[in-house]
Amino acid sequence: MLPDFAMVSTEEECIALASPYQESSEGSLSCLPDWDGEICWPLTVASQEVEMDCPDKPWIDASKSFYRACNSNGTWAGPGHYSDCFLDSLVTNPTSYLANVSDAQLKFFERMVASSRILAIVGNSISWISLLVALCIFMHFRSLNCNRTKIHKHLFVSLLIRLTIEVIFAVDRHYSIEPGHRFNTNTLRFQPILCEIFEVLREYGRFCAFAWMFIEGMYLNSLISLAVFGKPKFLLYYLIGWVFPIPFVSAWAIAMEMTNGNRCWYPHVNSLFFKGLIEVPRNVLLAINAIFLINIVRILVTKLRESNSGEVQQVRKAVKAAIVLLPLLGIVNLLWVLPEATAKDSRAVIVICLFVFRFFAEFQGFFVALLYCFLNREVRMVLRRKWSTWRNYRDPTRPRRTSMITSTSDIHSTRSTKPRIGSGGFEYITVTV
């Protein structure tokens, strides 16, 4: 009696069943029993196909069946066609999606998608490292502590939460497919509860980043707009930045758990709950930040005109200020409201959507750290003084030099003052023009 390969649930059991066939099949052409990460494929005669029931897994319809072919030389042709097992709800009308799409268009689109994923991994990694270094600099040097950098640090932490999960998912996705197109069931994507927890943390971190970007815009707008600025209300900032996202993310997670039985709630980004509970509030914050940005640039242009600069100089300074503020306030995220690229689109549209938009999104953390830490004049002066001190300590024969750092980039919370205009703009604003 042949063993029931459909009942095998582990690789060890499959190997044990394959051992007798390996000894008896010498000299014959047949594919030996093989474990692909999900099921154990039975002994199959060369040049034939074997049919198996789809496994009872998330994303899979267990009532379906799929095939795997055995080559004429007694080797498996490849993995089973698991796409035949997908739930109908995950198949988004492939006939209309691929209608009037040539093989060349489809191959180009798939190649661009794969390349954009590499860009995402590189961008997330560089942003993660940059933000971590910038956060350490702000926390280590007490002379840099002020209201402005305190908000920066919370923004950096929220971005690091999201980027950490993104990097974990990217590494997990890489190791989930083993050589020979076999699934590695020990990876995160095959652990439903743990995977869903990471999904919740990722969306919470992303929502908090949007909230702290909103706080950055609100704080800068208050600095520029108000003639008298009192002590910042950090309790309100903490509530908006860390508490405000919790109800939305929690409601979305509960809704997905109750309505979506797929592993990791895939594809959760297409659900109405995600759009209504996550995307709408985040885009409202971004829209308000866009209004802040317009008001900031308007006031900068007005004040620069009052300083009797030439018209070209006025425009140049205003544009530079807008470009500097753009990554911090998160306006580039509004680009994602545009439709996603498909294989039907032109090559130029595909490249712009998959690379330009993703570049701004994935490298945003790097640009934030670069513009508001590494290129900040005060930070560079502190690091230069620290480097000089270290060199003098290592080489006592070097001449000693003293330096004094005076910070004019923030309004002290202990007093009220009016904005003071200089040749370079508002001196207490983070913008360096």
Protein backbone atom coordinates (compact mmCIF):
# COMPACT_ATOMS: atom_id res chain seq x y z
CA MET A 1 0.00 0.00 0.00
CA LEU A 2 1.40 3.39 -1.02
CA PRO A 3 1.75 5.98 1.73
CA ASP A 4 -0.59 8.96 1.74
CA PHE A 5 1.74 11.81 0.83
CA ALA A 6 -1.07 14.32 1.33
CA MET A 7 -0.96 13.61 5.07
CA VAL A 8 2.76 14.45 5.37
CA SER A 9 3.23 17.72 7.25
CA THR A 10 7.00 17.94 7.86
CA GLU A 11 10.16 17.65 5.81
CA GLU A 12 11.43 14.86 8.09
CA GLU A 13 8.40 12.69 7.32
CA CYS A 14 8.84 13.29 3.60
CA ILE A 15 12.51 12.32 3.73
CA ALA A 16 11.63 9.17 5.64
CA LEU A 17 9.08 8.21 2.97
CA ALA A 18 11.54 8.97 0.18
CA SER A 19 14.31 6.70 1.53
CA PRO A 20 12.80 3.35 0.34
CA TYR A 21 12.19 4.76 -3.13
CA GLN A 22 15.79 6.01 -3.41
CA GLU A 23 17.07 2.44 -2.89
CA SER A 24 14.56 0.79 -5.26
CA SER A 25 14.54 3.38 -8.05
CA GLU A 26 18.21 3.12 -9.04
CA GLY A 27 18.40 2.84 -12.80
CA SER A 28 14.79 3.89 -13.36
CA LEU A 29 13.62 7.28 -14.52
CA SER A 30 11.29 8.81 -11.97
CA CYS A 31 11.14 11.86 -9.71
CA LEU A 32 11.66 10.93 -6.08
CA PRO A 33 9.39 12.22 -3.31
CA ASP A 34 10.26 15.86 -2.61
CA TRP A 35 9.36 18.38 0.10
CA ASP A 36 8.80 21.91 -1.28
CA GLY A 37 8.23 23.66 2.04
CA GLU A 38 4.48 23.05 2.12
CA ILE A 39 3.67 19.54 0.89
CA CYS A 40 5.45 16.27 0.05
CA TRP A 41 5.24 15.43 -3.66
CA PRO A 42 4.99 11.66 -4.30
CA LEU A 43 7.08 9.43 -6.55
CA THR A 44 6.27 10.36 -10.15
CA VAL A 45 7.18 8.59 -13.39
CA ALA A 46 9.35 10.60 -15.79
CA SER A 47 7.55 12.80 -18.37
CA GLN A 48 4.35 12.84 -16.34
CA GLU A 49 2.52 15.28 -14.08
CA VAL A 50 1.18 14.64 -10.62
CA GLU A 51 -1.86 16.35 -9.11
CA MET A 52 -2.10 17.27 -5.44
CA ASP A 53 -4.69 19.02 -3.31
CA CYS A 54 -3.82 22.57 -2.35
CA PRO A 55 -2.62 22.84 1.27
CA ASP A 56 -4.92 24.30 3.91
CA LYS A 57 -3.05 27.57 4.43
CA PRO A 58 -3.88 31.27 4.53
CA TRP A 59 -4.15 32.77 1.02
CA ILE A 60 -4.92 29.22 -0.27
CA ASP A 61 -8.21 27.61 -1.32
CA ALA A 62 -7.89 24.04 -0.03
CA SER A 63 -10.72 22.87 -2.31
CA LYS A 64 -8.52 23.42 -5.37
CA SER A 65 -5.71 21.26 -6.77
CA PHE A 66 -2.49 21.99 -8.63
CA TYR A 67 0.17 20.18 -10.64
CA ARG A 68 3.88 19.53 -10.77
CA ALA A 69 5.74 18.09 -13.75
CA CYS A 70 8.50 15.47 -13.80
CA ASN A 71 11.07 15.87 -16.59
CA SER A 72 12.04 13.09 -18.95
CA ASN A 73 15.39 12.74 -17.16
CA GLY A 74 13.76 12.01 -13.80
CA THR A 75 14.10 15.48 -12.22
CA TRP A 76 11.37 17.84 -11.12
CA ALA A 77 10.67 20.58 -13.67
CA GLY A 78 10.21 23.18 -10.94
CA PRO A 79 7.94 24.01 -8.03
CA GLY A 80 4.23 23.40 -8.04
CA HIS A 81 2.03 26.05 -9.60
CA TYR A 82 0.76 27.53 -6.33
CA SER A 83 -0.87 30.36 -8.24
CA ASP A 84 -3.62 27.86 -9.12
CA CYS A 85 -4.38 27.60 -5.40
CA PHE A 86 -4.80 31.27 -4.56
CA LEU A 87 -8.11 32.44 -3.21
CA ASP A 88 -10.30 34.04 -5.84
CA SER A 89 -10.39 37.23 -3.76
CA LEU A 90 -6.62 37.63 -4.30
CA VAL A 91 -6.81 37.36 -8.07
CA THR A 92 -7.65 40.82 -9.38
CA ASN A 93 -9.13 39.97 -12.79
CA PRO A 94 -5.90 38.87 -14.46
CA THR A 95 -7.59 38.76 -17.88
CA SER A 96 -8.29 42.51 -17.89
CA TYR A 97 -4.99 43.30 -16.18
CA LEU A 98 -2.95 41.57 -18.90
CA ALA A 99 -5.22 42.44 -21.82
CA ASN A 100 -3.33 44.00 -24.74
CA VAL A 101 0.00 43.58 -22.91
CA SER A 102 2.84 42.09 -24.92
CA ASP A 103 5.45 39.72 -23.51
CA ALA A 104 8.08 42.45 -23.85
CA GLN A 105 5.95 44.91 -21.84
CA LEU A 106 5.30 42.33 -19.13
CA LYS A 107 8.98 41.35 -18.84
CA PHE A 108 10.01 45.02 -18.66
CA PHE A 109 7.45 45.72 -15.94
CA GLU A 110 8.52 42.67 -13.90
CA ARG A 111 12.19 43.68 -14.25
CA MET A 112 11.43 47.22 -13.09
CA VAL A 113 9.41 45.94 -10.11
CA ALA A 114 12.30 43.70 -9.03
CA SER A 115 14.78 46.59 -9.38
CA SER A 116 12.52 48.95 -7.43
CA ARG A 117 12.47 46.45 -4.56
CA ILE A 118 16.26 46.55 -4.44
CA LEU A 119 16.07 50.35 -4.39
CA ALA A 120 13.63 50.12 -1.47
CA ILE A 121 15.99 47.86 0.53
CA VAL A 122 18.96 50.17 -0.11
CA GLY A 123 16.95 53.29 0.70
CA ASN A 124 15.48 51.87 3.89
CA SER A 125 18.91 50.68 5.09
CA ILE A 126 20.63 54.01 4.38
CA SER A 127 17.78 55.95 5.99
CA TRP A 128 17.85 53.68 9.06
CA ILE A 129 21.60 54.13 9.57
CA SER A 130 21.45 57.89 8.94
CA LEU A 131 18.59 58.45 11.38
CA LEU A 132 20.24 56.33 14.06
CA VAL A 133 23.50 58.28 13.77
CA ALA A 134 21.63 61.62 13.79
CA LEU A 135 19.61 60.57 16.84
CA CYS A 136 22.79 59.58 18.70
CA ILE A 137 24.37 62.96 17.88
CA PHE A 138 21.38 64.90 19.21
CA MET A 139 21.23 62.78 22.36
CA HIS A 140 24.97 62.83 23.06
CA PHE A 141 25.71 66.55 22.75
CA ARG A 142 23.75 68.48 25.38
CA SER A 143 24.63 71.81 23.72
CA LEU A 144 22.28 70.83 20.88
CA ASN A 145 19.26 70.38 23.14
CA CYS A 146 16.44 72.81 22.33
CA ASN A 147 12.75 72.69 21.47
CA ARG A 148 13.47 72.21 17.79
CA THR A 149 15.82 69.24 18.20
CA LYS A 150 13.50 67.67 20.78
CA ILE A 151 10.80 67.45 18.08
CA HIS A 152 13.40 66.18 15.60
CA LYS A 153 14.34 63.32 17.94
CA HIS A 154 10.75 62.10 18.24
CA LEU A 155 10.39 62.25 14.45
CA PHE A 156 13.59 60.24 14.08
CA VAL A 157 12.35 57.57 16.52
CA SER A 158 9.02 57.19 14.71
CA LEU A 159 10.80 56.84 11.37
CA LEU A 160 13.20 54.28 12.88
CA ILE A 161 10.28 52.14 14.09
CA ARG A 162 8.83 51.94 10.60
CA LEU A 163 12.20 51.46 8.88
CA THR A 164 13.21 48.68 11.29
CA ILE A 165 10.08 46.71 10.39
CA GLU A 166 10.63 47.41 6.69
CA VAL A 167 14.19 46.06 6.84
CA ILE A 168 13.01 42.97 8.75
CA PHE A 169 10.32 42.29 6.15
CA ALA A 170 12.79 42.79 3.29
CA VAL A 171 15.31 40.32 4.78
CA ASP A 172 12.51 37.87 5.57
CA ARG A 173 11.21 38.11 2.00
CA HIS A 174 14.71 37.33 0.71
CA TYR A 175 15.10 34.19 2.83
CA SER A 176 11.51 32.95 2.42
CA ILE A 177 12.42 31.36 -0.93
CA GLU A 178 15.18 28.76 -0.76
CA PRO A 179 17.25 27.45 -3.71
CA GLY A 180 15.07 25.40 -6.01
CA HIS A 181 12.08 27.73 -5.42
CA ARG A 182 11.22 26.02 -2.13
CA PHE A 183 9.42 27.90 0.61
CA ASN A 184 11.20 28.35 3.93
CA THR A 185 8.36 27.93 6.41
CA ASN A 186 10.53 29.13 9.31
CA THR A 187 10.45 32.73 8.08
CA LEU A 188 8.25 35.51 9.41
CA ARG A 189 5.77 35.44 6.55
CA PHE A 190 4.74 31.91 7.55
CA GLN A 191 4.08 32.84 11.21
CA PRO A 192 0.60 34.43 11.04
CA ILE A 193 0.33 35.93 14.54
CA LEU A 194 3.89 37.25 14.63
CA CYS A 195 3.61 38.58 11.08
CA GLU A 196 0.40 40.44 11.94
CA ILE A 197 2.00 41.97 15.03
CA PHE A 198 4.82 43.32 12.87
CA GLU A 199 2.27 44.69 10.40
CA VAL A 200 0.54 46.59 13.22
CA LEU A 201 3.88 47.97 14.46
CA ARG A 202 4.82 49.05 10.96
CA GLU A 203 1.57 50.94 10.42
CA TYR A 204 1.78 52.47 13.90
CA GLY A 205 5.33 53.67 13.24
CA ARG A 206 4.34 55.09 9.86
CA PHE A 207 1.30 56.85 11.35
CA CYS A 208 3.45 58.31 14.16
CA ALA A 209 5.96 59.57 11.58
CA PHE A 210 3.14 61.39 9.77
CA ALA A 211 1.95 62.82 13.09
CA TRP A 212 5.41 64.11 14.04
CA MET A 213 5.85 65.56 10.56
CA PHE A 214 2.61 67.42 11.20
CA ILE A 215 4.01 68.66 14.53
CA GLU A 216 7.18 69.86 12.77
CA GLY A 217 5.05 71.87 10.37
CA MET A 218 2.84 73.24 13.13
CA TYR A 219 5.87 74.28 15.21
CA LEU A 220 7.67 75.98 12.30
CA ASN A 221 4.47 77.71 11.21
CA SER A 222 3.96 79.01 14.74
CA LEU A 223 7.54 80.29 14.91
CA ILE A 224 7.17 82.23 11.69
CA SER A 225 3.55 83.37 11.97
CA LEU A 226 3.35 84.55 15.56
CA ALA A 227 5.10 87.67 16.74
CA VAL A 228 5.16 86.31 20.28
CA PHE A 229 5.74 82.62 20.85
CA GLY A 230 5.45 81.16 24.31
CA LYS A 231 6.62 77.84 25.65
CA PRO A 232 5.81 74.95 23.27
CA LYS A 233 3.06 72.65 24.55
CA PHE A 234 4.99 69.40 24.47
CA LEU A 235 2.26 67.47 26.26
CA LEU A 236 0.00 68.25 23.31
CA TYR A 237 2.79 67.26 20.94
CA TYR A 238 3.24 63.89 22.70
CA LEU A 239 -0.50 63.20 22.54
CA ILE A 240 -0.64 63.99 18.83
CA GLY A 241 2.59 62.19 17.97
CA TRP A 242 2.26 58.95 19.98
CA VAL A 243 -1.34 58.62 21.26
CA PHE A 244 -3.41 60.01 18.39
CA PRO A 245 -2.46 57.14 15.98
CA ILE A 246 -3.38 54.35 18.47
CA PRO A 247 -7.21 54.39 18.02
CA PHE A 248 -6.95 54.37 14.23
CA VAL A 249 -4.35 51.60 14.05
CA SER A 250 -6.15 49.53 16.71
CA ALA A 251 -9.50 49.84 14.93
CA TRP A 252 -7.88 48.82 11.65
CA ALA A 253 -6.16 45.80 13.25
CA ILE A 254 -9.41 44.61 14.88
CA ALA A 255 -11.32 45.03 11.61
CA MET A 256 -8.69 43.10 9.64
CA GLU A 257 -8.60 40.28 12.20
CA MET A 258 -12.38 39.92 12.02
CA THR A 259 -12.76 40.17 8.23
CA ASN A 260 -9.50 38.96 6.68
CA GLY A 261 -8.38 35.37 7.25
CA ASN A 262 -5.29 35.55 5.03
CA ARG A 263 -1.78 35.33 6.40
CA CYS A 264 -0.54 38.80 7.38
CA TRP A 265 -3.98 40.11 6.33
CA TYR A 266 -2.80 40.17 2.72
CA PRO A 267 -3.66 42.27 0.76
CA HIS A 268 -4.58 44.69 3.56
CA VAL A 269 -3.59 47.84 1.64
CA ASN A 270 -6.51 47.25 -0.73
CA SER A 271 -9.14 47.01 2.01
CA LEU A 272 -11.62 49.77 2.73
CA PHE A 273 -10.65 49.60 6.41
CA PHE A 274 -7.05 50.51 5.56
CA LYS A 275 -8.10 53.36 3.31
CA GLY A 276 -10.66 54.74 5.76
CA LEU A 277 -8.88 54.24 9.10
CA ILE A 278 -5.24 54.67 8.05
CA GLU A 279 -4.88 56.49 4.74
CA VAL A 280 -7.56 59.17 5.22
CA PRO A 281 -6.28 60.48 8.62
CA ARG A 282 -2.67 60.41 7.44
CA ASN A 283 -3.44 62.29 4.24
CA VAL A 284 -5.42 64.87 6.22
CA LEU A 285 -2.28 65.53 8.27
CA LEU A 286 -0.25 65.81 5.08
CA ALA A 287 -2.76 68.20 3.53
CA ILE A 288 -2.56 70.45 6.59
CA ASN A 289 1.24 70.30 6.36
CA ALA A 290 0.97 71.43 2.74
CA ILE A 291 -1.00 74.46 3.95
CA PHE A 292 1.70 75.12 6.57
CA LEU A 293 4.36 74.96 3.84
CA ILE A 294 2.49 77.43 1.62
CA ASN A 295 2.10 79.84 4.53
CA ILE A 296 5.76 79.51 5.51
CA VAL A 297 6.95 80.25 1.98
CA ARG A 298 4.48 83.16 1.71
CA ILE A 299 5.83 84.76 4.87
CA LEU A 300 9.43 84.13 3.81
CA VAL A 301 8.82 85.85 0.47
CA THR A 302 7.15 88.79 2.25
CA LYS A 303 9.96 89.23 4.76
CA LEU A 304 12.66 88.81 2.12
CA ARG A 305 10.98 91.51 0.05
CA GLU A 306 11.04 93.81 3.07
CA SER A 307 14.78 93.23 3.39
CA ASN A 308 15.24 94.99 -0.01
CA SER A 309 16.75 91.96 -1.75
CA GLY A 310 16.56 91.74 -5.52
CA GLU A 311 13.62 89.89 -7.05
CA VAL A 312 15.78 87.00 -8.28
CA GLN A 313 17.39 86.70 -4.89
CA GLN A 314 13.98 86.66 -3.23
CA VAL A 315 12.71 83.84 -5.41
CA ARG A 316 15.93 81.85 -5.00
CA LYS A 317 15.84 82.03 -1.22
CA ALA A 318 12.14 81.17 -1.07
CA VAL A 319 12.61 78.16 -3.34
CA LYS A 320 15.60 76.94 -1.33
CA ALA A 321 13.58 77.25 1.86
CA ALA A 322 10.72 75.25 0.33
CA ILE A 323 13.06 72.51 -0.87
CA VAL A 324 14.63 72.24 2.57
CA LEU A 325 11.25 72.05 4.28
CA LEU A 326 9.75 69.61 1.78
CA PRO A 327 11.27 66.31 3.09
CA LEU A 328 10.73 67.21 6.75
CA LEU A 329 7.07 68.10 6.39
CA GLY A 330 6.38 64.94 4.40
CA ILE A 331 4.69 66.59 1.45
CA VAL A 332 6.43 64.13 -0.89
CA ASN A 333 4.16 61.43 0.53
CA LEU A 334 1.24 63.09 -1.22
CA LEU A 335 2.68 61.72 -4.47
CA TRP A 336 1.41 58.29 -3.44
CA VAL A 337 -2.21 59.29 -3.93
CA LEU A 338 -1.56 58.97 -7.66
CA PRO A 339 -2.54 55.66 -9.35
CA GLU A 340 0.02 52.86 -9.30
CA ALA A 341 1.82 51.90 -12.50
CA THR A 342 0.74 48.81 -14.43
CA ALA A 343 2.26 46.80 -17.25
CA LYS A 344 -0.02 48.65 -19.68
CA ASP A 345 1.61 52.02 -18.97
CA SER A 346 4.46 53.48 -20.99
CA ARG A 347 8.02 52.80 -19.91
CA ALA A 348 8.47 56.42 -18.80
CA VAL A 349 5.42 56.24 -16.52
CA ILE A 350 6.58 52.92 -15.06
CA VAL A 351 10.07 54.25 -14.31
CA ILE A 352 8.72 57.46 -12.74
CA CYS A 353 6.17 55.64 -10.57
CA LEU A 354 8.44 52.78 -9.47
CA PHE A 355 11.71 54.68 -9.04
CA VAL A 356 11.15 58.43 -8.60
CA PHE A 357 8.28 58.09 -6.12
CA ARG A 358 9.94 55.21 -4.30
CA PHE A 359 13.22 57.12 -4.16
CA PHE A 360 11.58 60.04 -2.35
CA ALA A 361 9.67 57.71 -0.02
CA GLU A 362 12.45 55.29 0.93
CA PHE A 363 15.25 57.89 1.18
CA GLN A 364 13.14 60.39 3.12
CA GLY A 365 14.75 59.38 6.41
CA PHE A 366 18.20 59.96 4.91
CA PHE A 367 17.25 63.42 3.63
CA VAL A 368 15.72 64.37 6.99
CA ALA A 369 18.89 63.31 8.83
CA LEU A 370 21.10 65.03 6.24
CA LEU A 371 19.31 68.37 6.14
CA TYR A 372 18.49 68.71 9.81
CA CYS A 373 21.53 67.14 11.40
CA PHE A 374 24.56 66.47 9.22
CA LEU A 375 24.34 69.76 7.29
CA ASN A 376 23.20 71.82 10.29
CA ARG A 377 25.72 74.52 11.10
CA GLU A 378 25.56 74.04 14.85
CA VAL A 379 25.95 70.27 14.58
CA ARG A 380 28.96 70.66 12.32
CA MET A 381 30.53 73.12 14.74
CA VAL A 382 29.98 70.78 17.69
CA LEU A 383 31.43 67.83 15.79
CA ARG A 384 34.38 69.93 14.60
CA ARG A 385 35.12 71.00 18.16
CA LYS A 386 34.82 67.40 19.38
CA TRP A 387 37.18 66.25 16.63
CA SER A 388 39.65 69.02 17.49
CA THR A 389 39.54 68.08 21.17
CA TRP A 390 40.13 64.43 20.35
CA ARG A 391 43.08 65.28 18.09
CA ASN A 392 44.62 67.52 20.74
CA TYR A 393 44.22 64.76 23.29
CA ARG A 394 45.93 62.28 20.97
CA ASP A 395 48.68 64.76 20.03
CA PRO A 396 49.50 67.17 22.88
CA THR A 397 52.11 68.95 20.72
CA ARG A 398 49.40 70.42 18.49
CA PRO A 399 48.54 74.10 19.16
CA ARG A 400 45.37 74.58 21.19
CA ARG A 401 42.49 76.61 19.84
CA THR A 402 39.35 77.69 21.62
CA SER A 403 35.93 78.17 20.09
CA MET A 404 32.57 79.33 21.26
CA ILE A 405 29.22 78.18 19.87
CA THR A 406 26.29 80.51 20.04
CA SER A 407 22.94 79.03 19.09
CA THR A 408 20.42 81.36 17.47
CA SER A 409 18.32 78.68 15.86
CA ASP A 410 15.56 78.48 18.43
CA ILE A 411 13.47 80.67 20.68
CA HIS A 412 14.11 80.08 24.36
CA SER A 413 11.03 78.84 26.15
CA THR A 414 11.70 81.07 29.15
CA ARG A 415 11.01 84.33 27.41
CA SER A 416 8.97 85.88 24.63
CA THR A 417 10.59 87.61 21.70
CA LYS A 418 9.84 88.95 18.27
CA PRO A 419 11.21 87.41 15.08
CA ARG A 420 14.44 89.06 13.97
CA ILE A 421 15.26 89.18 10.30
CA GLY A 422 18.81 88.89 9.05
CA SER A 423 20.39 88.68 5.65
CA GLY A 424 19.90 84.93 5.63
CA GLY A 425 16.26 84.84 6.78
CA PHE A 426 14.81 84.04 10.20
CA GLU A 427 17.75 83.22 12.42
CA TYR A 428 15.81 80.99 14.81
CA ILE A 429 14.42 78.73 12.11
CA THR A 430 16.10 75.51 11.05
CA VAL A 431 16.17 76.63 7.42
CA THR A 432 19.65 77.54 6.17
CA VAL A 433 19.40 79.49 2.94
